[in-house]
Amino acid sequence: MCICGGSYKSMYVVLFFSLCVSFTILLFYFVFVFSFLFFLSFFRSRICFVTCGSSDILVSLSFLPLLFFCSFLCVCVRLCLCLYIYVCGFLLTSLRVVIYCYCCWSTRRIFGTQQQQKKKGQ
């Protein structure tokens, strides 16, 4: 029996569904990151080269006015990626809790009706 009265079968369903949702979110995340990196690599020769990991911005003197734009873009990308990860993590955790509670509630209800039918049959 699981913690809130359900069966192990419902726990396997919750685990499988959670893994599927996690895999889907990771897939969308990697597609988003790679498409953004492709976008940067396509335009970096015309604008600037931004390495957000170390916050290095390499620009020539003729592109000096774009320095602030590049740093602003780098900060925005960082914030968007962090917010995206945290929001997806929060939604995924909430979804797991809802699925777990629903499965436990449904298995409790099913087991409760089965036990009531057994008592009526005796």
PDB file of N, CA and C in Angstrom:
ATOM      1  N   MET A   1       0.845  -1.190   0.000  1.00  0.00           N
ATOM      2  CA  MET A   1       0.000   0.000   0.000  1.00  0.00           C
ATOM      3  C   MET A   1       0.885   1.246   0.000  1.00  0.00           C
ATOM      4  N   CYS A   2       0.454   2.284  -0.695  1.00  0.00           N
ATOM      5  CA  CYS A   2       1.229   3.520  -0.677  1.00  0.00           C
ATOM      6  C   CYS A   2       0.875   4.337   0.564  1.00  0.00           C
ATOM      7  N   ILE A   3       1.521   5.448   0.733  1.00  0.00           N
ATOM      8  CA  ILE A   3       1.446   6.206   1.978  1.00  0.00           C
ATOM      9  C   ILE A   3       0.007   6.630   2.285  1.00  0.00           C
ATOM     10  N   CYS A   4      -0.710   7.080   1.261  1.00  0.00           N
ATOM     11  CA  CYS A   4      -2.057   7.602   1.551  1.00  0.00           C
ATOM     12  C   CYS A   4      -3.136   6.581   1.256  1.00  0.00           C
ATOM     13  N   GLY A   5      -2.819   5.327   1.187  1.00  0.00           N
ATOM     14  CA  GLY A   5      -3.839   4.293   1.099  1.00  0.00           C
ATOM     15  C   GLY A   5      -4.033   3.697  -0.280  1.00  0.00           C
ATOM     16  N   GLY A   6      -3.298   4.142  -1.296  1.00  0.00           N
ATOM     17  CA  GLY A   6      -3.444   3.583  -2.637  1.00  0.00           C
ATOM     18  C   GLY A   6      -2.596   2.338  -2.811  1.00  0.00           C
ATOM     19  N   SER A   7      -2.554   1.826  -4.015  1.00  0.00           N
ATOM     20  CA  SER A   7      -1.776   0.624  -4.291  1.00  0.00           C
ATOM     21  C   SER A   7      -0.479   0.987  -4.997  1.00  0.00           C
ATOM     22  N   TYR A   8       0.395  -0.014  -5.118  1.00  0.00           N
ATOM     23  CA  TYR A   8       1.663   0.212  -5.815  1.00  0.00           C
ATOM     24  C   TYR A   8       1.427   0.443  -7.307  1.00  0.00           C
ATOM     25  N   LYS A   9       0.349  -0.113  -7.849  1.00  0.00           N
ATOM     26  CA  LYS A   9       0.059   0.068  -9.272  1.00  0.00           C
ATOM     27  C   LYS A   9      -0.158   1.550  -9.601  1.00  0.00           C
ATOM     28  N   SER A  10      -0.880   2.243  -8.724  1.00  0.00           N
ATOM     29  CA  SER A  10      -1.103   3.675  -8.963  1.00  0.00           C
ATOM     30  C   SER A  10       0.197   4.455  -8.874  1.00  0.00           C
ATOM     31  N   MET A  11       1.113   4.007  -8.003  1.00  0.00           N
ATOM     32  CA  MET A  11       2.399   4.681  -7.892  1.00  0.00           C
ATOM     33  C   MET A  11       3.213   4.502  -9.170  1.00  0.00           C
ATOM     34  N   TYR A  12       3.134   3.323  -9.795  1.00  0.00           N
ATOM     35  CA  TYR A  12       3.836   3.111 -11.054  1.00  0.00           C
ATOM     36  C   TYR A  12       3.255   3.989 -12.156  1.00  0.00           C
ATOM     37  N   VAL A  13       1.947   4.178 -12.143  1.00  0.00           N
ATOM     38  CA  VAL A  13       1.310   5.055 -13.135  1.00  0.00           C
ATOM     39  C   VAL A  13       1.786   6.494 -12.942  1.00  0.00           C
ATOM     40  N   VAL A  14       1.826   6.947 -11.693  1.00  0.00           N
ATOM     41  CA  VAL A  14       2.291   8.307 -11.398  1.00  0.00           C
ATOM     42  C   VAL A  14       3.741   8.474 -11.813  1.00  0.00           C
ATOM     43  N   LEU A  15       4.582   7.482 -11.500  1.00  0.00           N
ATOM     44  CA  LEU A  15       5.990   7.551 -11.848  1.00  0.00           C
ATOM     45  C   LEU A  15       6.178   7.600 -13.363  1.00  0.00           C
ATOM     46  N   PHE A  16       5.453   6.752 -14.082  1.00  0.00           N
ATOM     47  CA  PHE A  16       5.564   6.725 -15.545  1.00  0.00           C
ATOM     48  C   PHE A  16       5.106   8.047 -16.150  1.00  0.00           C
ATOM     49  N   PHE A  17       3.984   8.566 -15.668  1.00  0.00           N
ATOM     50  CA  PHE A  17       3.470   9.828 -16.204  1.00  0.00           C
ATOM     51  C   PHE A  17       4.413  10.980 -15.886  1.00  0.00           C
ATOM     52  N   SER A  18       4.989  10.988 -14.684  1.00  0.00           N
ATOM     53  CA  SER A  18       5.936  12.042 -14.310  1.00  0.00           C
ATOM     54  C   SER A  18       7.187  11.993 -15.177  1.00  0.00           C
ATOM     55  N   LEU A  19       7.669  10.779 -15.453  1.00  0.00           N
ATOM     56  CA  LEU A  19       8.840  10.654 -16.323  1.00  0.00           C
ATOM     57  C   LEU A  19       8.534  11.139 -17.730  1.00  0.00           C
ATOM     58  N   CYS A  20       7.344  10.824 -18.229  1.00  0.00           N
ATOM     59  CA  CYS A  20       6.963  11.289 -19.571  1.00  0.00           C
ATOM     60  C   CYS A  20       6.890  12.812 -19.625  1.00  0.00           C
ATOM     61  N   VAL A  21       6.292  13.411 -18.611  1.00  0.00           N
ATOM     62  CA  VAL A  21       6.178  14.874 -18.579  1.00  0.00           C
ATOM     63  C   VAL A  21       7.559  15.507 -18.453  1.00  0.00           C
ATOM     64  N   SER A  22       8.417  14.928 -17.597  1.00  0.00           N
ATOM     65  CA  SER A  22       9.771  15.468 -17.436  1.00  0.00           C
ATOM     66  C   SER A  22      10.560  15.386 -18.734  1.00  0.00           C
ATOM     67  N   PHE A  23      10.442  14.255 -19.424  1.00  0.00           N
ATOM     68  CA  PHE A  23      11.141  14.092 -20.690  1.00  0.00           C
ATOM     69  C   PHE A  23      10.641  15.092 -21.726  1.00  0.00           C
ATOM     70  N   THR A  24       9.332  15.316 -21.770  1.00  0.00           N
ATOM     71  CA  THR A  24       8.768  16.279 -22.726  1.00  0.00           C
ATOM     72  C   THR A  24       9.261  17.696 -22.435  1.00  0.00           C
ATOM     73  N   ILE A  25       9.280  18.081 -21.159  1.00  0.00           N
ATOM     74  CA  ILE A  25       9.751  19.424 -20.805  1.00  0.00           C
ATOM     75  C   ILE A  25      11.229  19.580 -21.143  1.00  0.00           C
ATOM     76  N   LEU A  26      12.031  18.550 -20.848  1.00  0.00           N
ATOM     77  CA  LEU A  26      13.452  18.619 -21.193  1.00  0.00           C
ATOM     78  C   LEU A  26      13.651  18.714 -22.700  1.00  0.00           C
ATOM     79  N   LEU A  27      12.841  17.986 -23.452  1.00  0.00           N
ATOM     80  CA  LEU A  27      12.946  18.036 -24.912  1.00  0.00           C
ATOM     81  C   LEU A  27      12.646  19.445 -25.419  1.00  0.00           C
ATOM     82  N   PHE A  28      11.560  20.054 -24.925  1.00  0.00           N
ATOM     83  CA  PHE A  28      11.229  21.417 -25.335  1.00  0.00           C
ATOM     84  C   PHE A  28      12.314  22.403 -24.901  1.00  0.00           C
ATOM     85  N   TYR A  29      12.884  22.170 -23.712  1.00  0.00           N
ATOM     86  CA  TYR A  29      13.940  23.051 -23.228  1.00  0.00           C
ATOM     87  C   TYR A  29      15.154  22.987 -24.143  1.00  0.00           C
ATOM     88  N   PHE A  30      15.583  21.765 -24.531  1.00  0.00           N
ATOM     89  CA  PHE A  30      16.751  21.643 -25.398  1.00  0.00           C
ATOM     90  C   PHE A  30      16.477  22.207 -26.797  1.00  0.00           C
ATOM     91  N   VAL A  31      15.262  22.022 -27.301  1.00  0.00           N
ATOM     92  CA  VAL A  31      14.921  22.605 -28.600  1.00  0.00           C
ATOM     93  C   VAL A  31      15.000  24.126 -28.521  1.00  0.00           C
ATOM     94  N   PHE A  32      14.485  24.690 -27.418  1.00  0.00           N
ATOM     95  CA  PHE A  32      14.532  26.132 -27.240  1.00  0.00           C
ATOM     96  C   PHE A  32      15.975  26.629 -27.165  1.00  0.00           C
ATOM     97  N   VAL A  33      16.813  25.943 -26.376  1.00  0.00           N
ATOM     98  CA  VAL A  33      18.205  26.380 -26.207  1.00  0.00           C
ATOM     99  C   VAL A  33      18.967  26.281 -27.523  1.00  0.00           C
ATOM    100  N   PHE A  34      18.812  25.148 -28.234  1.00  0.00           N
ATOM    101  CA  PHE A  34      19.552  24.990 -29.479  1.00  0.00           C
ATOM    102  C   PHE A  34      19.073  25.956 -30.558  1.00  0.00           C
ATOM    103  N   SER A  35      17.772  26.225 -30.596  1.00  0.00           N
ATOM    104  CA  SER A  35      17.298  27.203 -31.584  1.00  0.00           C
ATOM    105  C   SER A  35      17.824  28.598 -31.252  1.00  0.00           C
ATOM    106  N   PHE A  36      17.890  28.915 -29.956  1.00  0.00           N
ATOM    107  CA  PHE A  36      18.432  30.219 -29.575  1.00  0.00           C
ATOM    108  C   PHE A  36      19.922  30.307 -29.889  1.00  0.00           C
ATOM    109  N   LEU A  37      20.678  29.227 -29.630  1.00  0.00           N
ATOM    110  CA  LEU A  37      22.105  29.229 -29.952  1.00  0.00           C
ATOM    111  C   LEU A  37      22.327  29.348 -31.459  1.00  0.00           C
ATOM    112  N   PHE A  38      21.467  28.704 -32.232  1.00  0.00           N
ATOM    113  CA  PHE A  38      21.571  28.839 -33.683  1.00  0.00           C
ATOM    114  C   PHE A  38      21.305  30.277 -34.105  1.00  0.00           C
ATOM    115  N   PHE A  39      20.315  30.902 -33.464  1.00  0.00           N
ATOM    116  CA  PHE A  39      20.012  32.302 -33.753  1.00  0.00           C
ATOM    117  C   PHE A  39      21.211  33.190 -33.435  1.00  0.00           C
ATOM    118  N   LEU A  40      21.857  32.961 -32.291  1.00  0.00           N
ATOM    119  CA  LEU A  40      23.025  33.757 -31.925  1.00  0.00           C
ATOM    120  C   LEU A  40      24.181  33.534 -32.891  1.00  0.00           C
ATOM    121  N   SER A  41      24.420  32.268 -33.248  1.00  0.00           N
ATOM    122  CA  SER A  41      25.546  31.995 -34.140  1.00  0.00           C
ATOM    123  C   SER A  41      25.305  32.576 -35.533  1.00  0.00           C
ATOM    124  N   PHE A  42      24.045  32.707 -35.930  1.00  0.00           N
ATOM    125  CA  PHE A  42      23.739  33.257 -37.241  1.00  0.00           C
ATOM    126  C   PHE A  42      23.983  34.759 -37.287  1.00  0.00           C
ATOM    127  N   PHE A  43      23.658  35.444 -36.188  1.00  0.00           N
ATOM    128  CA  PHE A  43      23.754  36.901 -36.191  1.00  0.00           C
ATOM    129  C   PHE A  43      24.993  37.447 -35.493  1.00  0.00           C
ATOM    130  N   ARG A  44      25.823  36.611 -34.900  1.00  0.00           N
ATOM    131  CA  ARG A  44      26.929  37.159 -34.122  1.00  0.00           C
ATOM    132  C   ARG A  44      27.980  37.829 -34.977  1.00  0.00           C
ATOM    133  N   SER A  45      28.149  37.399 -36.243  1.00  0.00           N
ATOM    134  CA  SER A  45      29.153  38.028 -37.092  1.00  0.00           C
ATOM    135  C   SER A  45      28.737  39.449 -37.464  1.00  0.00           C
ATOM    136  N   ARG A  46      27.438  39.721 -37.462  1.00  0.00           N
ATOM    137  CA  ARG A  46      26.968  41.060 -37.835  1.00  0.00           C
ATOM    138  C   ARG A  46      26.819  41.968 -36.617  1.00  0.00           C
ATOM    139  N   ILE A  47      26.545  41.379 -35.455  1.00  0.00           N
ATOM    140  CA  ILE A  47      26.311  42.226 -34.283  1.00  0.00           C
ATOM    141  C   ILE A  47      27.478  42.113 -33.312  1.00  0.00           C
ATOM    142  N   CYS A  48      27.584  40.999 -32.604  1.00  0.00           N
ATOM    143  CA  CYS A  48      28.632  40.829 -31.619  1.00  0.00           C
ATOM    144  C   CYS A  48      28.672  39.364 -31.201  1.00  0.00           C
ATOM    145  N   PHE A  49      29.674  39.026 -30.459  1.00  0.00           N
ATOM    146  CA  PHE A  49      29.802  37.663 -29.962  1.00  0.00           C
ATOM    147  C   PHE A  49      29.596  37.699 -28.456  1.00  0.00           C
ATOM    148  N   VAL A  50      28.581  36.999 -27.984  1.00  0.00           N
ATOM    149  CA  VAL A  50      28.228  37.027 -26.570  1.00  0.00           C
ATOM    150  C   VAL A  50      28.438  35.635 -25.989  1.00  0.00           C
ATOM    151  N   THR A  51      29.270  35.553 -24.952  1.00  0.00           N
ATOM    152  CA  THR A  51      29.433  34.312 -24.213  1.00  0.00           C
ATOM    153  C   THR A  51      28.834  34.540 -22.844  1.00  0.00           C
ATOM    154  N   CYS A  52      27.623  34.046 -22.648  1.00  0.00           N
ATOM    155  CA  CYS A  52      26.906  34.359 -21.409  1.00  0.00           C
ATOM    156  C   CYS A  52      27.473  33.609 -20.218  1.00  0.00           C
ATOM    157  N   GLY A  53      28.204  32.504 -20.443  1.00  0.00           N
ATOM    158  CA  GLY A  53      28.741  31.760 -19.315  1.00  0.00           C
ATOM    159  C   GLY A  53      29.746  32.563 -18.526  1.00  0.00           C
ATOM    160  N   SER A  54      30.618  33.279 -19.224  1.00  0.00           N
ATOM    161  CA  SER A  54      31.634  34.072 -18.529  1.00  0.00           C
ATOM    162  C   SER A  54      31.395  35.563 -18.669  1.00  0.00           C
ATOM    163  N   SER A  55      30.297  35.945 -19.291  1.00  0.00           N
ATOM    164  CA  SER A  55      29.914  37.341 -19.506  1.00  0.00           C
ATOM    165  C   SER A  55      30.963  38.119 -20.295  1.00  0.00           C
ATOM    166  N   ASP A  56      31.678  37.447 -21.171  1.00  0.00           N
ATOM    167  CA  ASP A  56      32.633  38.136 -22.042  1.00  0.00           C
ATOM    168  C   ASP A  56      31.908  38.641 -23.273  1.00  0.00           C
ATOM    169  N   ILE A  57      32.172  39.872 -23.618  1.00  0.00           N
ATOM    170  CA  ILE A  57      31.572  40.455 -24.816  1.00  0.00           C
ATOM    171  C   ILE A  57      32.711  40.955 -25.696  1.00  0.00           C
ATOM    172  N   LEU A  58      32.853  40.338 -26.860  1.00  0.00           N
ATOM    173  CA  LEU A  58      33.925  40.719 -27.774  1.00  0.00           C
ATOM    174  C   LEU A  58      33.327  41.539 -28.907  1.00  0.00           C
ATOM    175  N   VAL A  59      33.726  42.794 -28.958  1.00  0.00           N
ATOM    176  CA  VAL A  59      33.228  43.673 -30.005  1.00  0.00           C
ATOM    177  C   VAL A  59      34.397  44.434 -30.584  1.00  0.00           C
ATOM    178  N   SER A  60      34.273  44.795 -31.827  1.00  0.00           N
ATOM    179  CA  SER A  60      35.279  45.670 -32.419  1.00  0.00           C
ATOM    180  C   SER A  60      34.924  47.114 -32.066  1.00  0.00           C
ATOM    181  N   LEU A  61      35.864  48.047 -32.298  1.00  0.00           N
ATOM    182  CA  LEU A  61      35.627  49.439 -31.927  1.00  0.00           C
ATOM    183  C   LEU A  61      34.504  50.066 -32.726  1.00  0.00           C
ATOM    184  N   SER A  62      34.303  49.569 -33.929  1.00  0.00           N
ATOM    185  CA  SER A  62      33.217  50.144 -34.732  1.00  0.00           C
ATOM    186  C   SER A  62      31.848  49.734 -34.198  1.00  0.00           C
ATOM    187  N   PHE A  63      31.803  48.628 -33.435  1.00  0.00           N
ATOM    188  CA  PHE A  63      30.532  48.172 -32.871  1.00  0.00           C
ATOM    189  C   PHE A  63      30.386  48.566 -31.406  1.00  0.00           C
ATOM    190  N   LEU A  64      31.152  49.542 -30.962  1.00  0.00           N
ATOM    191  CA  LEU A  64      31.121  49.951 -29.562  1.00  0.00           C
ATOM    192  C   LEU A  64      29.730  50.385 -29.080  1.00  0.00           C
ATOM    193  N   PRO A  65      28.917  51.071 -29.886  1.00  0.00           N
ATOM    194  CA  PRO A  65      27.568  51.417 -29.397  1.00  0.00           C
ATOM    195  C   PRO A  65      26.693  50.196 -29.107  1.00  0.00           C
ATOM    196  N   LEU A  66      27.016  49.060 -29.712  1.00  0.00           N
ATOM    197  CA  LEU A  66      26.210  47.865 -29.468  1.00  0.00           C
ATOM    198  C   LEU A  66      26.623  47.114 -28.207  1.00  0.00           C
ATOM    199  N   LEU A  67      27.629  47.622 -27.519  1.00  0.00           N
ATOM    200  CA  LEU A  67      28.104  46.956 -26.306  1.00  0.00           C
ATOM    201  C   LEU A  67      26.989  46.845 -25.264  1.00  0.00           C
ATOM    202  N   PHE A  68      26.272  47.943 -25.053  1.00  0.00           N
ATOM    203  CA  PHE A  68      25.197  47.923 -24.055  1.00  0.00           C
ATOM    204  C   PHE A  68      24.054  47.025 -24.501  1.00  0.00           C
ATOM    205  N   PHE A  69      23.765  47.031 -25.782  1.00  0.00           N
ATOM    206  CA  PHE A  69      22.721  46.146 -26.297  1.00  0.00           C
ATOM    207  C   PHE A  69      23.082  44.689 -26.068  1.00  0.00           C
ATOM    208  N   CYS A  70      24.344  44.325 -26.322  1.00  0.00           N
ATOM    209  CA  CYS A  70      24.772  42.940 -26.159  1.00  0.00           C
ATOM    210  C   CYS A  70      24.734  42.508 -24.706  1.00  0.00           C
ATOM    211  N   SER A  71      25.196  43.386 -23.810  1.00  0.00           N
ATOM    212  CA  SER A  71      25.166  43.025 -22.390  1.00  0.00           C
ATOM    213  C   SER A  71      23.726  42.912 -21.892  1.00  0.00           C
ATOM    214  N   PHE A  72      22.866  43.809 -22.347  1.00  0.00           N
ATOM    215  CA  PHE A  72      21.456  43.746 -21.979  1.00  0.00           C
ATOM    216  C   PHE A  72      20.819  42.468 -22.504  1.00  0.00           C
ATOM    217  N   LEU A  73      21.146  42.103 -23.751  1.00  0.00           N
ATOM    218  CA  LEU A  73      20.622  40.872 -24.348  1.00  0.00           C
ATOM    219  C   LEU A  73      21.077  39.648 -23.558  1.00  0.00           C
ATOM    220  N   CYS A  74      22.342  39.659 -23.151  1.00  0.00           N
ATOM    221  CA  CYS A  74      22.885  38.534 -22.393  1.00  0.00           C
ATOM    222  C   CYS A  74      22.172  38.382 -21.050  1.00  0.00           C
ATOM    223  N   VAL A  75      21.948  39.489 -20.352  1.00  0.00           N
ATOM    224  CA  VAL A  75      21.252  39.435 -19.067  1.00  0.00           C
ATOM    225  C   VAL A  75      19.810  38.968 -19.255  1.00  0.00           C
ATOM    226  N   CYS A  76      19.154  39.448 -20.293  1.00  0.00           N
ATOM    227  CA  CYS A  76      17.770  39.046 -20.558  1.00  0.00           C
ATOM    228  C   CYS A  76      17.676  37.553 -20.853  1.00  0.00           C
ATOM    229  N   VAL A  77      18.635  37.050 -21.626  1.00  0.00           N
ATOM    230  CA  VAL A  77      18.626  35.627 -21.950  1.00  0.00           C
ATOM    231  C   VAL A  77      18.810  34.803 -20.687  1.00  0.00           C
ATOM    232  N   ARG A  78      19.730  35.232 -19.833  1.00  0.00           N
ATOM    233  CA  ARG A  78      19.938  34.512 -18.575  1.00  0.00           C
ATOM    234  C   ARG A  78      18.677  34.490 -17.730  1.00  0.00           C
ATOM    235  N   LEU A  79      18.050  35.644 -17.577  1.00  0.00           N
ATOM    236  CA  LEU A  79      16.846  35.722 -16.752  1.00  0.00           C
ATOM    237  C   LEU A  79      15.722  34.883 -17.341  1.00  0.00           C
ATOM    238  N   CYS A  80      15.549  34.939 -18.657  1.00  0.00           N
ATOM    239  CA  CYS A  80      14.481  34.163 -19.294  1.00  0.00           C
ATOM    240  C   CYS A  80      14.710  32.672 -19.108  1.00  0.00           C
ATOM    241  N   LEU A  81      15.959  32.220 -19.291  1.00  0.00           N
ATOM    242  CA  LEU A  81      16.238  30.795 -19.130  1.00  0.00           C
ATOM    243  C   LEU A  81      16.017  30.367 -17.682  1.00  0.00           C
ATOM    244  N   CYS A  82      16.456  31.195 -16.725  1.00  0.00           N
ATOM    245  CA  CYS A  82      16.259  30.836 -15.319  1.00  0.00           C
ATOM    246  C   CYS A  82      14.779  30.796 -14.964  1.00  0.00           C
ATOM    247  N   LEU A  83      14.032  31.794 -15.409  1.00  0.00           N
ATOM    248  CA  LEU A  83      12.598  31.798 -15.138  1.00  0.00           C
ATOM    249  C   LEU A  83      11.911  30.612 -15.792  1.00  0.00           C
ATOM    250  N   TYR A  84      12.331  30.286 -17.006  1.00  0.00           N
ATOM    251  CA  TYR A  84      11.747  29.148 -17.713  1.00  0.00           C
ATOM    252  C   TYR A  84      11.981  27.853 -16.938  1.00  0.00           C
ATOM    253  N   ILE A  85      13.212  27.668 -16.448  1.00  0.00           N
ATOM    254  CA  ILE A  85      13.542  26.447 -15.708  1.00  0.00           C
ATOM    255  C   ILE A  85      12.758  26.390 -14.398  1.00  0.00           C
ATOM    256  N   TYR A  86      12.703  27.515 -13.664  1.00  0.00           N
ATOM    257  CA  TYR A  86      12.026  27.501 -12.373  1.00  0.00           C
ATOM    258  C   TYR A  86      10.519  27.335 -12.525  1.00  0.00           C
ATOM    259  N   VAL A  87       9.935  28.001 -13.515  1.00  0.00           N
ATOM    260  CA  VAL A  87       8.490  27.872 -13.724  1.00  0.00           C
ATOM    261  C   VAL A  87       8.148  26.445 -14.130  1.00  0.00           C
ATOM    262  N   CYS A  88       8.941  25.854 -15.037  1.00  0.00           N
ATOM    263  CA  CYS A  88       8.666  24.477 -15.447  1.00  0.00           C
ATOM    264  C   CYS A  88       8.857  23.518 -14.279  1.00  0.00           C
ATOM    265  N   GLY A  89       9.876  23.757 -13.460  1.00  0.00           N
ATOM    266  CA  GLY A  89      10.067  22.900 -12.293  1.00  0.00           C
ATOM    267  C   GLY A  89       8.916  23.000 -11.313  1.00  0.00           C
ATOM    268  N   PHE A  90       8.420  24.228 -11.092  1.00  0.00           N
ATOM    269  CA  PHE A  90       7.286  24.418 -10.190  1.00  0.00           C
ATOM    270  C   PHE A  90       6.034  23.746 -10.737  1.00  0.00           C
ATOM    271  N   LEU A  91       5.781  23.920 -12.049  1.00  0.00           N
ATOM    272  CA  LEU A  91       4.611  23.295 -12.655  1.00  0.00           C
ATOM    273  C   LEU A  91       4.708  21.778 -12.620  1.00  0.00           C
ATOM    274  N   LEU A  92       5.908  21.261 -12.870  1.00  0.00           N
ATOM    275  CA  LEU A  92       6.091  19.814 -12.856  1.00  0.00           C
ATOM    276  C   LEU A  92       5.872  19.251 -11.453  1.00  0.00           C
ATOM    277  N   THR A  93       6.395  19.935 -10.430  1.00  0.00           N
ATOM    278  CA  THR A  93       6.185  19.482  -9.058  1.00  0.00           C
ATOM    279  C   THR A  93       4.707  19.539  -8.693  1.00  0.00           C
ATOM    280  N   SER A  94       4.036  20.611  -9.064  1.00  0.00           N
ATOM    281  CA  SER A  94       2.598  20.725  -8.790  1.00  0.00           C
ATOM    282  C   SER A  94       1.823  19.627  -9.496  1.00  0.00           C
ATOM    283  N   LEU A  95       2.203  19.345 -10.737  1.00  0.00           N
ATOM    284  CA  LEU A  95       1.524  18.300 -11.495  1.00  0.00           C
ATOM    285  C   LEU A  95       1.717  16.937 -10.844  1.00  0.00           C
ATOM    286  N   ARG A  96       2.936  16.676 -10.357  1.00  0.00           N
ATOM    287  CA  ARG A  96       3.181  15.405  -9.674  1.00  0.00           C
ATOM    288  C   ARG A  96       2.320  15.264  -8.428  1.00  0.00           C
ATOM    289  N   VAL A  97       2.214  16.349  -7.652  1.00  0.00           N
ATOM    290  CA  VAL A  97       1.405  16.299  -6.431  1.00  0.00           C
ATOM    291  C   VAL A  97      -0.057  16.056  -6.772  1.00  0.00           C
ATOM    292  N   VAL A  98      -0.557  16.747  -7.790  1.00  0.00           N
ATOM    293  CA  VAL A  98      -1.962  16.585  -8.181  1.00  0.00           C
ATOM    294  C   VAL A  98      -2.220  15.163  -8.669  1.00  0.00           C
ATOM    295  N   ILE A  99      -1.319  14.632  -9.505  1.00  0.00           N
ATOM    296  CA  ILE A  99      -1.507  13.275 -10.020  1.00  0.00           C
ATOM    297  C   ILE A  99      -1.440  12.256  -8.884  1.00  0.00           C
ATOM    298  N   TYR A 100      -0.492  12.431  -7.982  1.00  0.00           N
ATOM    299  CA  TYR A 100      -0.347  11.506  -6.865  1.00  0.00           C
ATOM    300  C   TYR A 100      -1.602  11.505  -5.989  1.00  0.00           C
ATOM    301  N   CYS A 101      -2.086  12.698  -5.658  1.00  0.00           N
ATOM    302  CA  CYS A 101      -3.279  12.790  -4.812  1.00  0.00           C
ATOM    303  C   CYS A 101      -4.503  12.222  -5.529  1.00  0.00           C
ATOM    304  N   TYR A 102      -4.618  12.477  -6.829  1.00  0.00           N
ATOM    305  CA  TYR A 102      -5.762  11.945  -7.572  1.00  0.00           C
ATOM    306  C   TYR A 102      -5.721  10.423  -7.616  1.00  0.00           C
ATOM    307  N   CYS A 103      -4.515   9.867  -7.872  1.00  0.00           N
ATOM    308  CA  CYS A 103      -4.410   8.410  -7.930  1.00  0.00           C
ATOM    309  C   CYS A 103      -4.726   7.791  -6.575  1.00  0.00           C
ATOM    310  N   CYS A 104      -4.193   8.387  -5.524  1.00  0.00           N
ATOM    311  CA  CYS A 104      -4.473   7.850  -4.191  1.00  0.00           C
ATOM    312  C   CYS A 104      -5.944   8.003  -3.839  1.00  0.00           C
ATOM    313  N   TRP A 105      -6.556   9.119  -4.216  1.00  0.00           N
ATOM    314  CA  TRP A 105      -7.976   9.322  -3.934  1.00  0.00           C
ATOM    315  C   TRP A 105      -8.817   8.315  -4.709  1.00  0.00           C
ATOM    316  N   SER A 106      -8.476   8.091  -5.981  1.00  0.00           N
ATOM    317  CA  SER A 106      -9.273   7.162  -6.787  1.00  0.00           C
ATOM    318  C   SER A 106      -9.103   5.726  -6.301  1.00  0.00           C
ATOM    319  N   THR A 107      -7.871   5.349  -5.921  1.00  0.00           N
ATOM    320  CA  THR A 107      -7.685   3.982  -5.424  1.00  0.00           C
ATOM    321  C   THR A 107      -8.361   3.804  -4.066  1.00  0.00           C
ATOM    322  N   ARG A 108      -8.361   4.825  -3.239  1.00  0.00           N
ATOM    323  CA  ARG A 108      -9.084   4.749  -1.965  1.00  0.00           C
ATOM    324  C   ARG A 108     -10.575   4.571  -2.199  1.00  0.00           C
ATOM    325  N   ARG A 109     -11.101   5.326  -3.160  1.00  0.00           N
ATOM    326  CA  ARG A 109     -12.524   5.257  -3.458  1.00  0.00           C
ATOM    327  C   ARG A 109     -12.889   3.878  -3.989  1.00  0.00           C
ATOM    328  N   ILE A 110     -12.037   3.361  -4.906  1.00  0.00           N
ATOM    329  CA  ILE A 110     -12.308   2.038  -5.477  1.00  0.00           C
ATOM    330  C   ILE A 110     -12.222   0.971  -4.401  1.00  0.00           C
ATOM    331  N   PHE A 111     -11.154   1.027  -3.573  1.00  0.00           N
ATOM    332  CA  PHE A 111     -11.015   0.039  -2.514  1.00  0.00           C
ATOM    333  C   PHE A 111     -12.130   0.175  -1.486  1.00  0.00           C
ATOM    334  N   GLY A 112     -12.564   1.423  -1.224  1.00  0.00           N
ATOM    335  CA  GLY A 112     -13.650   1.640  -0.266  1.00  0.00           C
ATOM    336  C   GLY A 112     -14.950   1.037  -0.752  1.00  0.00           C
ATOM    337  N   THR A 113     -15.277   1.220  -2.043  1.00  0.00           N
ATOM    338  CA  THR A 113     -16.510   0.647  -2.574  1.00  0.00           C
ATOM    339  C   THR A 113     -16.422  -0.876  -2.626  1.00  0.00           C
ATOM    340  N   GLN A 114     -15.251  -1.419  -2.914  1.00  0.00           N
ATOM    341  CA  GLN A 114     -15.101  -2.871  -2.920  1.00  0.00           C
ATOM    342  C   GLN A 114     -15.289  -3.451  -1.528  1.00  0.00           C
ATOM    343  N   GLN A 115     -14.735  -2.771  -0.518  1.00  0.00           N
ATOM    344  CA  GLN A 115     -14.894  -3.257   0.849  1.00  0.00           C
ATOM    345  C   GLN A 115     -16.340  -3.143   1.311  1.00  0.00           C
ATOM    346  N   GLN A 116     -17.039  -2.081   0.894  1.00  0.00           N
ATOM    347  CA  GLN A 116     -18.442  -1.944   1.255  1.00  0.00           C
ATOM    348  C   GLN A 116     -19.278  -3.034   0.602  1.00  0.00           C
ATOM    349  N   GLN A 117     -18.947  -3.382  -0.657  1.00  0.00           N
ATOM    350  CA  GLN A 117     -19.681  -4.445  -1.331  1.00  0.00           C
ATOM    351  C   GLN A 117     -19.429  -5.794  -0.669  1.00  0.00           C
ATOM    352  N   LYS A 118     -18.194  -6.005  -0.198  1.00  0.00           N
ATOM    353  CA  LYS A 118     -17.893  -7.259   0.509  1.00  0.00           C
ATOM    354  C   LYS A 118     -18.681  -7.345   1.807  1.00  0.00           C
ATOM    355  N   LYS A 119     -18.776  -6.210   2.530  1.00  0.00           N
ATOM    356  CA  LYS A 119     -19.527  -6.208   3.784  1.00  0.00           C
ATOM    357  C   LYS A 119     -21.014  -6.455   3.533  1.00  0.00           C
ATOM    358  N   LYS A 120     -21.555  -5.878   2.453  1.00  0.00           N
ATOM    359  CA  LYS A 120     -22.970  -6.101   2.135  1.00  0.00           C
ATOM    360  C   LYS A 120     -23.217  -7.544   1.719  1.00  0.00           C
ATOM    361  N   GLY A 121     -22.228  -8.136   1.055  1.00  0.00           N
ATOM    362  CA  GLY A 121     -22.373  -9.527   0.611  1.00  0.00           C
ATOM    363  C   GLY A 121     -22.340 -10.510   1.763  1.00  0.00           C
ATOM    364  N   GLN A 122     -21.679 -10.154   2.838  1.00  0.00           N
ATOM    365  CA  GLN A 122     -21.616 -11.058   4.001  1.00  0.00           C
ATOM    366  C   GLN A 122     -22.844 -10.891   4.802  1.00  0.00           C
TER     367      GLN A 122
END
